[in-house]
């Protein structure tokens, strides 16, 4: 996008679907075809809702992975501080 940044909101996603050459991310080729005049406003709304659901799912998965990692770290730390049991042979 020429070194500029844009907010990835509904307007950006809508524009990227209808006119994908309007803002091309640096390092990427503008290969996505336009969907201007090919999909209804209703279907475009469904696509935007689907994209948002993927973002929510990814955030939920990231939070679950972080929670699992923290739990594992806390468990490892707790085990490391417990006194070692010593068994004597006889």
PDB file of N, CA and C in Angstrom:
ATOM      1  N   UNK A   1       0.855  -1.184   0.000  1.00  0.00           N
ATOM      2  CA  UNK A   1       0.000   0.000   0.000  1.00  0.00           C
ATOM      3  C   UNK A   1       0.894   1.238   0.000  1.00  0.00           C
ATOM      4  N   UNK A   2       2.022   1.131  -0.635  1.00  0.00           N
ATOM      5  CA  UNK A   2       2.897   2.279  -0.769  1.00  0.00           C
ATOM      6  C   UNK A   2       3.487   2.773   0.526  1.00  0.00           C
ATOM      7  N   UNK A   3       3.669   1.911   1.494  1.00  0.00           N
ATOM      8  CA  UNK A   3       4.241   2.313   2.766  1.00  0.00           C
ATOM      9  C   UNK A   3       3.230   2.869   3.749  1.00  0.00           C
ATOM     10  N   UNK A   4       1.991   3.056   3.312  1.00  0.00           N
ATOM     11  CA  UNK A   4       0.936   3.537   4.212  1.00  0.00           C
ATOM     12  C   UNK A   4       0.275   2.361   4.901  1.00  0.00           C
ATOM     13  N   UNK A   5      -0.405   2.643   5.986  1.00  0.00           N
ATOM     14  CA  UNK A   5      -1.163   1.594   6.655  1.00  0.00           C
ATOM     15  C   UNK A   5      -2.635   1.965   6.614  1.00  0.00           C
ATOM     16  N   UNK A   6      -3.474   0.955   6.645  1.00  0.00           N
ATOM     17  CA  UNK A   6      -4.915   1.173   6.671  1.00  0.00           C
ATOM     18  C   UNK A   6      -5.507   0.324   7.773  1.00  0.00           C
ATOM     19  N   UNK A   7      -6.663   0.733   8.256  1.00  0.00           N
ATOM     20  CA  UNK A   7      -7.367  -0.042   9.271  1.00  0.00           C
ATOM     21  C   UNK A   7      -8.134  -1.154   8.569  1.00  0.00           C
ATOM     22  N   UNK A   8      -7.980  -2.371   9.067  1.00  0.00           N
ATOM     23  CA  UNK A   8      -8.666  -3.507   8.463  1.00  0.00           C
ATOM     24  C   UNK A   8     -10.068  -3.597   9.064  1.00  0.00           C
ATOM     25  N   UNK A   9     -10.956  -2.798   8.511  1.00  0.00           N
ATOM     26  CA  UNK A   9     -12.335  -2.767   8.986  1.00  0.00           C
ATOM     27  C   UNK A   9     -13.266  -3.203   7.861  1.00  0.00           C
ATOM     28  N   UNK A  10     -14.570  -3.095   8.088  1.00  0.00           N
ATOM     29  CA  UNK A  10     -15.537  -3.510   7.073  1.00  0.00           C
ATOM     30  C   UNK A  10     -15.339  -2.771   5.756  1.00  0.00           C
ATOM     31  N   UNK A  11     -15.053  -1.465   5.823  1.00  0.00           N
ATOM     32  CA  UNK A  11     -14.874  -0.681   4.600  1.00  0.00           C
ATOM     33  C   UNK A  11     -13.679  -1.180   3.792  1.00  0.00           C
ATOM     34  N   UNK A  12     -12.575  -1.473   4.470  1.00  0.00           N
ATOM     35  CA  UNK A  12     -11.389  -1.982   3.784  1.00  0.00           C
ATOM     36  C   UNK A  12     -11.672  -3.349   3.162  1.00  0.00           C
ATOM     37  N   UNK A  13     -12.319  -4.238   3.930  1.00  0.00           N
ATOM     38  CA  UNK A  13     -12.628  -5.562   3.396  1.00  0.00           C
ATOM     39  C   UNK A  13     -13.579  -5.465   2.207  1.00  0.00           C
ATOM     40  N   UNK A  14     -14.592  -4.622   2.326  1.00  0.00           N
ATOM     41  CA  UNK A  14     -15.553  -4.421   1.232  1.00  0.00           C
ATOM     42  C   UNK A  14     -14.825  -3.932  -0.026  1.00  0.00           C
ATOM     43  N   UNK A  15     -13.985  -2.922   0.131  1.00  0.00           N
ATOM     44  CA  UNK A  15     -13.245  -2.387  -1.007  1.00  0.00           C
ATOM     45  C   UNK A  15     -12.310  -3.439  -1.597  1.00  0.00           C
ATOM     46  N   UNK A  16     -11.687  -4.232  -0.742  1.00  0.00           N
ATOM     47  CA  UNK A  16     -10.750  -5.252  -1.218  1.00  0.00           C
ATOM     48  C   UNK A  16     -11.442  -6.344  -2.019  1.00  0.00           C
ATOM     49  N   UNK A  17     -12.700  -6.607  -1.704  1.00  0.00           N
ATOM     50  CA  UNK A  17     -13.457  -7.614  -2.451  1.00  0.00           C
ATOM     51  C   UNK A  17     -13.981  -7.028  -3.762  1.00  0.00           C
ATOM     52  N   UNK A  18     -14.510  -5.819  -3.693  1.00  0.00           N
ATOM     53  CA  UNK A  18     -15.110  -5.211  -4.874  1.00  0.00           C
ATOM     54  C   UNK A  18     -14.081  -4.591  -5.816  1.00  0.00           C
ATOM     55  N   UNK A  19     -13.005  -4.046  -5.277  1.00  0.00           N
ATOM     56  CA  UNK A  19     -11.970  -3.399  -6.077  1.00  0.00           C
ATOM     57  C   UNK A  19     -10.604  -3.741  -5.486  1.00  0.00           C
ATOM     58  N   UNK A  20     -10.148  -4.978  -5.653  1.00  0.00           N
ATOM     59  CA  UNK A  20      -8.938  -5.433  -4.969  1.00  0.00           C
ATOM     60  C   UNK A  20      -7.653  -4.707  -5.363  1.00  0.00           C
ATOM     61  N   UNK A  21      -7.659  -3.988  -6.458  1.00  0.00           N
ATOM     62  CA  UNK A  21      -6.452  -3.258  -6.871  1.00  0.00           C
ATOM     63  C   UNK A  21      -6.366  -1.867  -6.244  1.00  0.00           C
ATOM     64  N   UNK A  22      -7.381  -1.481  -5.481  1.00  0.00           N
ATOM     65  CA  UNK A  22      -7.395  -0.143  -4.877  1.00  0.00           C
ATOM     66  C   UNK A  22      -6.270   0.016  -3.865  1.00  0.00           C
ATOM     67  N   UNK A  23      -6.042  -0.997  -3.066  1.00  0.00           N
ATOM     68  CA  UNK A  23      -4.981  -0.958  -2.052  1.00  0.00           C
ATOM     69  C   UNK A  23      -4.314  -2.328  -2.042  1.00  0.00           C
ATOM     70  N   UNK A  24      -3.130  -2.406  -2.568  1.00  0.00           N
ATOM     71  CA  UNK A  24      -2.404  -3.672  -2.644  1.00  0.00           C
ATOM     72  C   UNK A  24      -1.284  -3.646  -1.609  1.00  0.00           C
ATOM     73  N   UNK A  25      -1.218  -4.688  -0.813  1.00  0.00           N
ATOM     74  CA  UNK A  25      -0.196  -4.781   0.220  1.00  0.00           C
ATOM     75  C   UNK A  25       1.174  -4.939  -0.434  1.00  0.00           C
ATOM     76  N   UNK A  26       2.140  -4.151   0.048  1.00  0.00           N
ATOM     77  CA  UNK A  26       3.485  -4.178  -0.504  1.00  0.00           C
ATOM     78  C   UNK A  26       4.043  -5.608  -0.468  1.00  0.00           C
ATOM     79  N   UNK A  27       4.620  -6.023  -1.587  1.00  0.00           N
ATOM     80  CA  UNK A  27       5.199  -7.352  -1.680  1.00  0.00           C
ATOM     81  C   UNK A  27       4.255  -8.378  -2.281  1.00  0.00           C
ATOM     82  N   UNK A  28       2.997  -8.001  -2.481  1.00  0.00           N
ATOM     83  CA  UNK A  28       2.014  -8.911  -3.064  1.00  0.00           C
ATOM     84  C   UNK A  28       1.614  -8.417  -4.453  1.00  0.00           C
ATOM     85  N   UNK A  29       1.333  -9.347  -5.332  1.00  0.00           N
ATOM     86  CA  UNK A  29       0.855  -9.018  -6.670  1.00  0.00           C
ATOM     87  C   UNK A  29      -0.659  -8.860  -6.641  1.00  0.00           C
ATOM     88  N   UNK A  30      -1.200  -7.929  -7.419  1.00  0.00           N
ATOM     89  CA  UNK A  30      -2.656  -7.722  -7.452  1.00  0.00           C
ATOM     90  C   UNK A  30      -3.338  -8.772  -8.338  1.00  0.00           C
ATOM     91  N   UNK A  31      -3.432 -10.001  -7.824  1.00  0.00           N
ATOM     92  CA  UNK A  31      -3.957 -11.095  -8.648  1.00  0.00           C
ATOM     93  C   UNK A  31      -5.427 -11.423  -8.380  1.00  0.00           C
ATOM     94  N   UNK A  32      -5.994 -10.885  -7.300  1.00  0.00           N
ATOM     95  CA  UNK A  32      -7.397 -11.186  -7.003  1.00  0.00           C
ATOM     96  C   UNK A  32      -8.301 -10.478  -8.002  1.00  0.00           C
ATOM     97  N   UNK A  33      -9.260 -11.216  -8.568  1.00  0.00           N
ATOM     98  CA  UNK A  33     -10.199 -10.565  -9.502  1.00  0.00           C
ATOM     99  C   UNK A  33     -11.205  -9.704  -8.748  1.00  0.00           C
ATOM    100  N   UNK A  34     -11.793  -8.768  -9.457  1.00  0.00           N
ATOM    101  CA  UNK A  34     -12.819  -7.930  -8.851  1.00  0.00           C
ATOM    102  C   UNK A  34     -14.150  -8.685  -8.801  1.00  0.00           C
ATOM    103  N   UNK A  35     -14.939  -8.382  -7.790  1.00  0.00           N
ATOM    104  CA  UNK A  35     -16.265  -8.962  -7.686  1.00  0.00           C
ATOM    105  C   UNK A  35     -17.340  -7.883  -7.814  1.00  0.00           C
ATOM    106  N   UNK A  36     -16.913  -6.684  -8.244  1.00  0.00           N
ATOM    107  CA  UNK A  36     -17.827  -5.565  -8.464  1.00  0.00           C
ATOM    108  C   UNK A  36     -18.889  -5.979  -9.483  1.00  0.00           C
ATOM    109  N   UNK A  37     -20.170  -5.843  -9.104  1.00  0.00           N
ATOM    110  CA  UNK A  37     -21.267  -6.179 -10.006  1.00  0.00           C
ATOM    111  C   UNK A  37     -21.533  -7.668 -10.146  1.00  0.00           C
ATOM    112  N   UNK A  38     -20.774  -8.501  -9.418  1.00  0.00           N
ATOM    113  CA  UNK A  38     -20.940  -9.948  -9.548  1.00  0.00           C
ATOM    114  C   UNK A  38     -21.619 -10.588  -8.337  1.00  0.00           C
ATOM    115  N   UNK A  39     -21.637  -9.879  -7.210  1.00  0.00           N
ATOM    116  CA  UNK A  39     -22.308 -10.406  -6.028  1.00  0.00           C
ATOM    117  C   UNK A  39     -23.236  -9.340  -5.471  1.00  0.00           C
ATOM    118  N   UNK A  40     -24.293  -9.815  -4.849  1.00  0.00           N
ATOM    119  CA  UNK A  40     -25.264  -8.880  -4.278  1.00  0.00           C
ATOM    120  C   UNK A  40     -24.720  -8.301  -2.975  1.00  0.00           C
ATOM    121  N   UNK A  41     -25.331  -7.211  -2.556  1.00  0.00           N
ATOM    122  CA  UNK A  41     -24.968  -6.582  -1.283  1.00  0.00           C
ATOM    123  C   UNK A  41     -25.194  -7.560  -0.127  1.00  0.00           C
ATOM    124  N   UNK A  42     -26.260  -8.353  -0.228  1.00  0.00           N
ATOM    125  CA  UNK A  42     -26.554  -9.343   0.807  1.00  0.00           C
ATOM    126  C   UNK A  42     -25.437 -10.390   0.898  1.00  0.00           C
ATOM    127  N   UNK A  43     -25.003 -10.902  -0.251  1.00  0.00           N
ATOM    128  CA  UNK A  43     -23.936 -11.906  -0.246  1.00  0.00           C
ATOM    129  C   UNK A  43     -22.614 -11.311   0.217  1.00  0.00           C
ATOM    130  N   UNK A  44     -22.364 -10.063  -0.132  1.00  0.00           N
ATOM    131  CA  UNK A  44     -21.158  -9.391   0.340  1.00  0.00           C
ATOM    132  C   UNK A  44     -21.187  -9.289   1.871  1.00  0.00           C
ATOM    133  N   UNK A  45     -22.350  -8.992   2.431  1.00  0.00           N
ATOM    134  CA  UNK A  45     -22.506  -8.954   3.880  1.00  0.00           C
ATOM    135  C   UNK A  45     -22.218 -10.308   4.514  1.00  0.00           C
ATOM    136  N   UNK A  46     -22.637 -11.369   3.842  1.00  0.00           N
ATOM    137  CA  UNK A  46     -22.373 -12.725   4.352  1.00  0.00           C
ATOM    138  C   UNK A  46     -20.869 -13.022   4.337  1.00  0.00           C
ATOM    139  N   UNK A  47     -20.198 -12.598   3.283  1.00  0.00           N
ATOM    140  CA  UNK A  47     -18.746 -12.815   3.187  1.00  0.00           C
ATOM    141  C   UNK A  47     -18.027 -12.059   4.299  1.00  0.00           C
ATOM    142  N   UNK A  48     -18.430 -10.816   4.536  1.00  0.00           N
ATOM    143  CA  UNK A  48     -17.810 -10.023   5.599  1.00  0.00           C
ATOM    144  C   UNK A  48     -18.048 -10.666   6.967  1.00  0.00           C
ATOM    145  N   UNK A  49     -19.257 -11.163   7.189  1.00  0.00           N
ATOM    146  CA  UNK A  49     -19.561 -11.832   8.461  1.00  0.00           C
ATOM    147  C   UNK A  49     -18.707 -13.083   8.615  1.00  0.00           C
ATOM    148  N   UNK A  50     -18.511 -13.822   7.530  1.00  0.00           N
ATOM    149  CA  UNK A  50     -17.688 -15.031   7.582  1.00  0.00           C
ATOM    150  C   UNK A  50     -16.235 -14.677   7.917  1.00  0.00           C
ATOM    151  N   UNK A  51     -15.702 -13.648   7.278  1.00  0.00           N
ATOM    152  CA  UNK A  51     -14.315 -13.231   7.547  1.00  0.00           C
ATOM    153  C   UNK A  51     -14.169 -12.838   9.015  1.00  0.00           C
ATOM    154  N   UNK A  52     -15.144 -12.103   9.539  1.00  0.00           N
ATOM    155  CA  UNK A  52     -15.096 -11.709  10.951  1.00  0.00           C
ATOM    156  C   UNK A  52     -15.160 -12.922  11.866  1.00  0.00           C
ATOM    157  N   UNK A  53     -15.942 -13.940  11.483  1.00  0.00           N
ATOM    158  CA  UNK A  53     -16.033 -15.139  12.318  1.00  0.00           C
ATOM    159  C   UNK A  53     -14.699 -15.867  12.347  1.00  0.00           C
ATOM    160  N   UNK A  54     -13.952 -15.835  11.245  1.00  0.00           N
ATOM    161  CA  UNK A  54     -12.629 -16.456  11.219  1.00  0.00           C
ATOM    162  C   UNK A  54     -11.679 -15.728  12.158  1.00  0.00           C
ATOM    163  N   UNK A  55     -11.756 -14.403  12.176  1.00  0.00           N
ATOM    164  CA  UNK A  55     -10.908 -13.610  13.064  1.00  0.00           C
ATOM    165  C   UNK A  55     -11.238 -13.911  14.519  1.00  0.00           C
ATOM    166  N   UNK A  56     -12.520 -14.037  14.841  1.00  0.00           N
ATOM    167  CA  UNK A  56     -12.946 -14.350  16.203  1.00  0.00           C
ATOM    168  C   UNK A  56     -12.484 -15.746  16.588  1.00  0.00           C
ATOM    169  N   UNK A  57     -12.614 -16.705  15.654  1.00  0.00           N
ATOM    170  CA  UNK A  57     -12.188 -18.080  15.910  1.00  0.00           C
ATOM    171  C   UNK A  57     -10.685 -18.126  16.157  1.00  0.00           C
ATOM    172  N   UNK A  58      -9.925 -17.389  15.347  1.00  0.00           N
ATOM    173  CA  UNK A  58      -8.467 -17.354  15.513  1.00  0.00           C
ATOM    174  C   UNK A  58      -8.092 -16.749  16.857  1.00  0.00           C
ATOM    175  N   UNK A  59      -8.767 -15.674  17.242  1.00  0.00           N
ATOM    176  CA  UNK A  59      -8.481 -15.044  18.532  1.00  0.00           C
ATOM    177  C   UNK A  59      -8.812 -15.993  19.674  1.00  0.00           C
ATOM    178  N   UNK A  60      -9.906 -16.738  19.539  1.00  0.00           N
ATOM    179  CA  UNK A  60     -10.296 -17.700  20.569  1.00  0.00           C
ATOM    180  C   UNK A  60      -9.271 -18.819  20.668  1.00  0.00           C
ATOM    181  N   UNK A  61      -8.806 -19.315  19.500  1.00  0.00           N
ATOM    182  CA  UNK A  61      -7.792 -20.369  19.494  1.00  0.00           C
ATOM    183  C   UNK A  61      -6.479 -19.859  20.083  1.00  0.00           C
ATOM    184  N   UNK A  62      -6.104 -18.631  19.764  1.00  0.00           N
ATOM    185  CA  UNK A  62      -4.875 -18.054  20.317  1.00  0.00           C
ATOM    186  C   UNK A  62      -4.976 -17.938  21.838  1.00  0.00           C
ATOM    187  N   UNK A  63      -6.142 -17.515  22.327  1.00  0.00           N
ATOM    188  CA  UNK A  63      -6.335 -17.383  23.773  1.00  0.00           C
ATOM    189  C   UNK A  63      -6.270 -18.746  24.446  1.00  0.00           C
ATOM    190  N   UNK A  64      -6.864 -19.769  23.810  1.00  0.00           N
ATOM    191  CA  UNK A  64      -6.831 -21.121  24.375  1.00  0.00           C
ATOM    192  C   UNK A  64      -5.405 -21.659  24.399  1.00  0.00           C
ATOM    193  N   UNK A  65      -4.645 -21.405  23.338  1.00  0.00           N
ATOM    194  CA  UNK A  65      -3.248 -21.863  23.286  1.00  0.00           C
ATOM    195  C   UNK A  65      -2.418 -21.157  24.347  1.00  0.00           C
ATOM    196  N   UNK A  66      -2.641 -19.870  24.530  1.00  0.00           N
ATOM    197  CA  UNK A  66      -1.920 -19.112  25.552  1.00  0.00           C
ATOM    198  C   UNK A  66      -2.272 -19.637  26.941  1.00  0.00           C
ATOM    199  N   UNK A  67      -3.550 -19.905  27.167  1.00  0.00           N
ATOM    200  CA  UNK A  67      -3.989 -20.444  28.449  1.00  0.00           C
ATOM    201  C   UNK A  67      -3.325 -21.791  28.732  1.00  0.00           C
ATOM    202  N   UNK A  68      -3.261 -22.652  27.719  1.00  0.00           N
ATOM    203  CA  UNK A  68      -2.636 -23.970  27.883  1.00  0.00           C
ATOM    204  C   UNK A  68      -1.143 -23.823  28.172  1.00  0.00           C
ATOM    205  N   UNK A  69      -0.484 -22.899  27.489  1.00  0.00           N
ATOM    206  CA  UNK A  69       0.951 -22.690  27.708  1.00  0.00           C
ATOM    207  C   UNK A  69       1.219 -22.162  29.114  1.00  0.00           C
ATOM    208  N   UNK A  70       0.414 -21.221  29.559  1.00  0.00           N
ATOM    209  CA  UNK A  70       0.595 -20.666  30.907  1.00  0.00           C
ATOM    210  C   UNK A  70       0.338 -21.744  31.949  1.00  0.00           C
ATOM    211  N   UNK A  71      -0.709 -22.541  31.740  1.00  0.00           N
ATOM    212  CA  UNK A  71      -1.008 -23.635  32.675  1.00  0.00           C
ATOM    213  C   UNK A  71       0.152 -24.619  32.736  1.00  0.00           C
ATOM    214  N   UNK A  72       0.708 -24.961  31.580  1.00  0.00           N
ATOM    215  CA  UNK A  72       1.845 -25.888  31.542  1.00  0.00           C
ATOM    216  C   UNK A  72       3.059 -25.291  32.246  1.00  0.00           C
ATOM    217  N   UNK A  73       3.319 -24.003  32.018  1.00  0.00           N
ATOM    218  CA  UNK A  73       4.456 -23.340  32.676  1.00  0.00           C
ATOM    219  C   UNK A  73       4.269 -23.303  34.190  1.00  0.00           C
ATOM    220  N   UNK A  74       3.063 -22.990  34.638  1.00  0.00           N
ATOM    221  CA  UNK A  74       2.794 -22.950  36.075  1.00  0.00           C
ATOM    222  C   UNK A  74       2.935 -24.345  36.690  1.00  0.00           C
ATOM    223  N   UNK A  75       2.461 -25.346  35.976  1.00  0.00           N
ATOM    224  CA  UNK A  75       2.570 -26.715  36.466  1.00  0.00           C
ATOM    225  C   UNK A  75       4.032 -27.137  36.563  1.00  0.00           C
ATOM    226  N   UNK A  76       4.814 -26.795  35.543  1.00  0.00           N
ATOM    227  CA  UNK A  76       6.238 -27.136  35.548  1.00  0.00           C
ATOM    228  C   UNK A  76       6.956 -26.408  36.685  1.00  0.00           C
ATOM    229  N   UNK A  77       6.605 -25.152  36.902  1.00  0.00           N
ATOM    230  CA  UNK A  77       7.233 -24.383  37.980  1.00  0.00           C
ATOM    231  C   UNK A  77       6.866 -24.965  39.338  1.00  0.00           C
ATOM    232  N   UNK A  78       5.616 -25.386  39.502  1.00  0.00           N
ATOM    233  CA  UNK A  78       5.181 -25.973  40.771  1.00  0.00           C
ATOM    234  C   UNK A  78       5.907 -27.280  41.026  1.00  0.00           C
ATOM    235  N   UNK A  79       6.067 -28.077  39.992  1.00  0.00           N
ATOM    236  CA  UNK A  79       6.770 -29.354  40.139  1.00  0.00           C
ATOM    237  C   UNK A  79       8.247 -29.153  40.436  1.00  0.00           C
ATOM    238  N   UNK A  80       8.822 -28.097  39.902  1.00  0.00           N
ATOM    239  CA  UNK A  80      10.248 -27.838  40.103  1.00  0.00           C
ATOM    240  C   UNK A  80      10.530 -27.386  41.532  1.00  0.00           C
ATOM    241  N   UNK A  81       9.537 -26.824  42.203  1.00  0.00           N
ATOM    242  CA  UNK A  81       9.773 -26.324  43.556  1.00  0.00           C
ATOM    243  C   UNK A  81       9.427 -27.345  44.637  1.00  0.00           C
ATOM    244  N   UNK A  82       8.784 -28.451  44.227  1.00  0.00           N
ATOM    245  CA  UNK A  82       8.473 -29.497  45.221  1.00  0.00           C
ATOM    246  C   UNK A  82       9.739 -30.236  45.598  1.00  0.00           C
ATOM    247  N   UNK A  83       9.890 -30.588  46.849  1.00  0.00           N
ATOM    248  CA  UNK A  83      11.085 -31.337  47.237  1.00  0.00           C
ATOM    249  C   UNK A  83      11.096 -32.694  46.575  1.00  0.00           C
ATOM    250  N   UNK A  84      12.263 -33.093  46.155  1.00  0.00           N
ATOM    251  CA  UNK A  84      12.409 -34.393  45.513  1.00  0.00           C
ATOM    252  C   UNK A  84      12.273 -35.490  46.553  1.00  0.00           C
ATOM    253  N   UNK A  85      11.606 -36.551  46.171  1.00  0.00           N
ATOM    254  CA  UNK A  85      11.475 -37.661  47.112  1.00  0.00           C
ATOM    255  C   UNK A  85      12.714 -38.537  46.979  1.00  0.00           C
ATOM    256  N   UNK A  86      13.209 -38.980  48.102  1.00  0.00           N
ATOM    257  CA  UNK A  86      14.413 -39.816  48.119  1.00  0.00           C
ATOM    258  C   UNK A  86      14.028 -41.190  48.650  1.00  0.00           C
ATOM    259  N   UNK A  87      14.379 -42.158  47.893  1.00  0.00           N
ATOM    260  CA  UNK A  87      14.124 -43.504  48.373  1.00  0.00           C
ATOM    261  C   UNK A  87      15.476 -44.139  48.715  1.00  0.00           C
ATOM    262  N   UNK A  88      15.508 -44.832  49.811  1.00  0.00           N
ATOM    263  CA  UNK A  88      16.746 -45.478  50.230  1.00  0.00           C
ATOM    264  C   UNK A  88      16.623 -46.978  49.987  1.00  0.00           C
ATOM    265  N   UNK A  89      17.631 -47.475  49.401  1.00  0.00           N
ATOM    266  CA  UNK A  89      17.664 -48.923  49.164  1.00  0.00           C
ATOM    267  C   UNK A  89      18.114 -49.651  50.420  1.00  0.00           C
ATOM    268  N   UNK A  90      17.776 -50.884  50.465  1.00  0.00           N
ATOM    269  CA  UNK A  90      18.171 -51.478  51.714  1.00  0.00           C
ATOM    270  C   UNK A  90      18.513 -52.835  51.665  1.00  0.00           C
TER     271      UNK A  90
END
